Amino acid sequence: MVPEAEDEHHDSGSGRVTPRAGDPRLVESFAIYANGTYGVINEMYVAPPFRSQGVGGRLIAAVKDLAARRGWGRIDVTAPESPAWDRTRRFHESQGFVFTGPKLKFVLNPGRTGA
């Protein structure tokens, strides 16, 4: 979900960005507690040269638009609970997200990067 000038989903004239279908960083999931399908932003990154220019807000707006078209009941985004990620968390909260707590994980392969 990083906009690039050459990306067919980024209109440099309007500044509009759209998430790519099938992008593994934005997935559709299902849960009873969500009353059906919902979106999950697994990872969102805005390259430093594009920060503080509204790019992140346009990405979130594009995801919200996609969510409405797909009939998702909600959108979740990963935001670690750590002071190092306070700016990221504040950004998402400014976009209407509510912090709901950390996620749990089970590591299948401890030697794998990112486990």
C-alpha atoms as a PDB file:
ATOM      1  CA  MET A   1       0.000   0.000   0.000  1.00  0.00           C
ATOM      2  CA  VAL A   2       2.876   2.356  -0.735  1.00  0.00           C
ATOM      3  CA  PRO A   3       2.045   4.866  -3.471  1.00  0.00           C
ATOM      4  CA  GLU A   4       4.526   5.173  -6.301  1.00  0.00           C
ATOM      5  CA  ALA A   5       4.401   7.483  -9.300  1.00  0.00           C
ATOM      6  CA  GLU A   6       4.522   4.538 -11.709  1.00  0.00           C
ATOM      7  CA  ASP A   7       1.834   2.551  -9.887  1.00  0.00           C
ATOM      8  CA  GLU A   8      -1.279   2.131 -12.036  1.00  0.00           C
ATOM      9  CA  HIS A   9      -3.357   2.640  -8.901  1.00  0.00           C
ATOM     10  CA  HIS A  10      -1.892   6.065  -8.069  1.00  0.00           C
ATOM     11  CA  ASP A  11      -3.125   9.109  -9.923  1.00  0.00           C
ATOM     12  CA  SER A  12      -0.369  11.674  -9.410  1.00  0.00           C
ATOM     13  CA  GLY A  13      -2.552  14.500 -10.627  1.00  0.00           C
ATOM     14  CA  SER A  14      -5.281  14.000  -8.040  1.00  0.00           C
ATOM     15  CA  GLY A  15      -3.141  12.420  -5.337  1.00  0.00           C
ATOM     16  CA  ARG A  16      -5.669   9.568  -5.151  1.00  0.00           C
ATOM     17  CA  VAL A  17      -4.353   6.163  -4.185  1.00  0.00           C
ATOM     18  CA  THR A  18      -6.207   2.875  -4.243  1.00  0.00           C
ATOM     19  CA  PRO A  19      -5.320  -0.393  -2.592  1.00  0.00           C
ATOM     20  CA  ARG A  20      -4.455  -3.174  -5.020  1.00  0.00           C
ATOM     21  CA  ALA A  21      -6.803  -6.130  -5.186  1.00  0.00           C
ATOM     22  CA  GLY A  22      -5.064  -9.137  -3.721  1.00  0.00           C
ATOM     23  CA  ASP A  23      -2.427  -7.091  -1.900  1.00  0.00           C
ATOM     24  CA  PRO A  24      -1.491  -9.295   1.093  1.00  0.00           C
ATOM     25  CA  ARG A  25      -1.219  -6.233   3.316  1.00  0.00           C
ATOM     26  CA  LEU A  26      -4.968  -5.649   2.937  1.00  0.00           C
ATOM     27  CA  VAL A  27      -7.088  -8.769   3.305  1.00  0.00           C
ATOM     28  CA  GLU A  28     -10.700  -9.722   3.787  1.00  0.00           C
ATOM     29  CA  SER A  29     -11.536 -11.860   6.788  1.00  0.00           C
ATOM     30  CA  PHE A  30     -14.641 -13.203   8.497  1.00  0.00           C
ATOM     31  CA  ALA A  31     -15.611 -13.375  12.151  1.00  0.00           C
ATOM     32  CA  ILE A  32     -18.813 -13.839  14.073  1.00  0.00           C
ATOM     33  CA  TYR A  33     -17.833 -10.997  16.438  1.00  0.00           C
ATOM     34  CA  ALA A  34     -17.538  -8.715  13.388  1.00  0.00           C
ATOM     35  CA  ASN A  35     -20.943  -9.862  12.111  1.00  0.00           C
ATOM     36  CA  GLY A  36     -19.458 -11.126   8.861  1.00  0.00           C
ATOM     37  CA  THR A  37     -16.692  -9.962   6.573  1.00  0.00           C
ATOM     38  CA  TYR A  38     -14.250  -7.249   7.498  1.00  0.00           C
ATOM     39  CA  GLY A  39     -10.950  -5.871   6.280  1.00  0.00           C
ATOM     40  CA  VAL A  40      -7.547  -6.193   7.883  1.00  0.00           C
ATOM     41  CA  ILE A  41      -4.653  -3.888   7.085  1.00  0.00           C
ATOM     42  CA  ASN A  42      -1.777  -6.178   7.991  1.00  0.00           C
ATOM     43  CA  GLU A  43       0.842  -3.575   7.237  1.00  0.00           C
ATOM     44  CA  MET A  44       0.786   0.027   6.093  1.00  0.00           C
ATOM     45  CA  TYR A  45       3.939   1.929   5.301  1.00  0.00           C
ATOM     46  CA  VAL A  46       4.422   5.386   3.855  1.00  0.00           C
ATOM     47  CA  ALA A  47       7.945   6.041   2.598  1.00  0.00           C
ATOM     48  CA  PRO A  48       9.675   8.927   4.407  1.00  0.00           C
ATOM     49  CA  PRO A  49       9.623  11.331   1.402  1.00  0.00           C
ATOM     50  CA  PHE A  50       5.796  11.051   1.302  1.00  0.00           C
ATOM     51  CA  ARG A  51       5.114  11.448   5.043  1.00  0.00           C
ATOM     52  CA  SER A  52       3.234  14.467   6.406  1.00  0.00           C
ATOM     53  CA  GLN A  53       1.753  15.076   2.949  1.00  0.00           C
ATOM     54  CA  GLY A  54      -1.599  13.388   3.512  1.00  0.00           C
ATOM     55  CA  VAL A  55      -0.613  10.148   1.778  1.00  0.00           C
ATOM     56  CA  GLY A  56      -1.491   7.982   4.781  1.00  0.00           C
ATOM     57  CA  GLY A  57      -4.884   9.640   5.081  1.00  0.00           C
ATOM     58  CA  ARG A  58      -5.551   9.059   1.374  1.00  0.00           C
ATOM     59  CA  LEU A  59      -4.560   5.396   1.755  1.00  0.00           C
ATOM     60  CA  ILE A  60      -6.967   4.975   4.675  1.00  0.00           C
ATOM     61  CA  ALA A  61      -9.697   6.806   2.725  1.00  0.00           C
ATOM     62  CA  ALA A  62      -9.150   4.411  -0.193  1.00  0.00           C
ATOM     63  CA  VAL A  63      -9.401   1.409   2.141  1.00  0.00           C
ATOM     64  CA  LYS A  64     -12.601   2.817   3.664  1.00  0.00           C
ATOM     65  CA  ASP A  65     -14.019   3.255   0.159  1.00  0.00           C
ATOM     66  CA  LEU A  66     -13.107  -0.336  -0.743  1.00  0.00           C
ATOM     67  CA  ALA A  67     -14.636  -1.521   2.554  1.00  0.00           C
ATOM     68  CA  ALA A  68     -17.917   0.210   1.746  1.00  0.00           C
ATOM     69  CA  ARG A  69     -18.019  -1.337  -1.737  1.00  0.00           C
ATOM     70  CA  ARG A  70     -17.335  -4.813  -0.322  1.00  0.00           C
ATOM     71  CA  GLY A  71     -19.818  -4.430   2.524  1.00  0.00           C
ATOM     72  CA  TRP A  72     -17.267  -4.916   5.291  1.00  0.00           C
ATOM     73  CA  GLY A  73     -18.542  -4.249   8.787  1.00  0.00           C
ATOM     74  CA  ARG A  74     -15.204  -2.946  10.049  1.00  0.00           C
ATOM     75  CA  ILE A  75     -11.525  -2.491   9.283  1.00  0.00           C
ATOM     76  CA  ASP A  76      -8.764  -3.619  11.638  1.00  0.00           C
ATOM     77  CA  VAL A  77      -5.195  -2.346  11.483  1.00  0.00           C
ATOM     78  CA  THR A  78      -2.140  -3.615  13.300  1.00  0.00           C
ATOM     79  CA  ALA A  79      -0.609  -1.017  15.624  1.00  0.00           C
ATOM     80  CA  PRO A  80       1.868  -2.360  18.188  1.00  0.00           C
ATOM     81  CA  GLU A  81       1.410  -1.348  21.812  1.00  0.00           C
ATOM     82  CA  SER A  82       4.781   0.273  22.346  1.00  0.00           C
ATOM     83  CA  PRO A  83       5.996   3.850  22.857  1.00  0.00           C
ATOM     84  CA  ALA A  84       8.057   3.439  19.671  1.00  0.00           C
ATOM     85  CA  TRP A  85       4.767   3.218  17.716  1.00  0.00           C
ATOM     86  CA  ASP A  86       2.893   6.085  19.430  1.00  0.00           C
ATOM     87  CA  ARG A  87       2.970   8.274  16.304  1.00  0.00           C
ATOM     88  CA  THR A  88       1.538   5.453  14.191  1.00  0.00           C
ATOM     89  CA  ARG A  89      -1.154   4.734  16.748  1.00  0.00           C
ATOM     90  CA  ARG A  90      -2.095   8.435  16.992  1.00  0.00           C
ATOM     91  CA  PHE A  91      -2.322   8.606  13.186  1.00  0.00           C
ATOM     92  CA  HIS A  92      -4.741   5.675  13.044  1.00  0.00           C
ATOM     93  CA  GLU A  93      -6.785   7.098  15.911  1.00  0.00           C
ATOM     94  CA  SER A  94      -6.998  10.399  14.005  1.00  0.00           C
ATOM     95  CA  GLN A  95      -8.503   8.396  11.133  1.00  0.00           C
ATOM     96  CA  GLY A  96     -11.253   7.034  13.401  1.00  0.00           C
ATOM     97  CA  PHE A  97      -9.650   3.755  14.521  1.00  0.00           C
ATOM     98  CA  VAL A  98     -10.007   2.720  18.175  1.00  0.00           C
ATOM     99  CA  PHE A  99      -7.203   0.884  19.957  1.00  0.00           C
ATOM    100  CA  THR A 100      -8.525  -2.510  21.083  1.00  0.00           C
ATOM    101  CA  GLY A 101      -5.385  -4.067  22.497  1.00  0.00           C
ATOM    102  CA  PRO A 102      -2.524  -6.261  21.407  1.00  0.00           C
ATOM    103  CA  LYS A 103      -2.827  -9.383  19.327  1.00  0.00           C
ATOM    104  CA  LEU A 104      -1.597 -12.816  20.385  1.00  0.00           C
ATOM    105  CA  LYS A 105       0.535 -15.075  18.221  1.00  0.00           C
ATOM    106  CA  PHE A 106       1.763 -18.637  18.131  1.00  0.00           C
ATOM    107  CA  VAL A 107       5.183 -19.119  16.531  1.00  0.00           C
ATOM    108  CA  LEU A 108       5.324 -22.209  14.328  1.00  0.00           C
ATOM    109  CA  ASN A 109       8.926 -21.766  13.189  1.00  0.00           C
ATOM    110  CA  PRO A 110      11.115 -19.890  15.715  1.00  0.00           C
ATOM    111  CA  GLY A 111      13.979 -19.610  13.205  1.00  0.00           C
ATOM    112  CA  ARG A 112      11.916 -17.733  10.636  1.00  0.00           C
ATOM    113  CA  THR A 113      12.506 -13.984  10.338  1.00  0.00           C
ATOM    114  CA  GLY A 114       9.790 -11.973  12.065  1.00  0.00           C
ATOM    115  CA  ALA A 115       8.638 -14.823  14.295  1.00  0.00           C
END
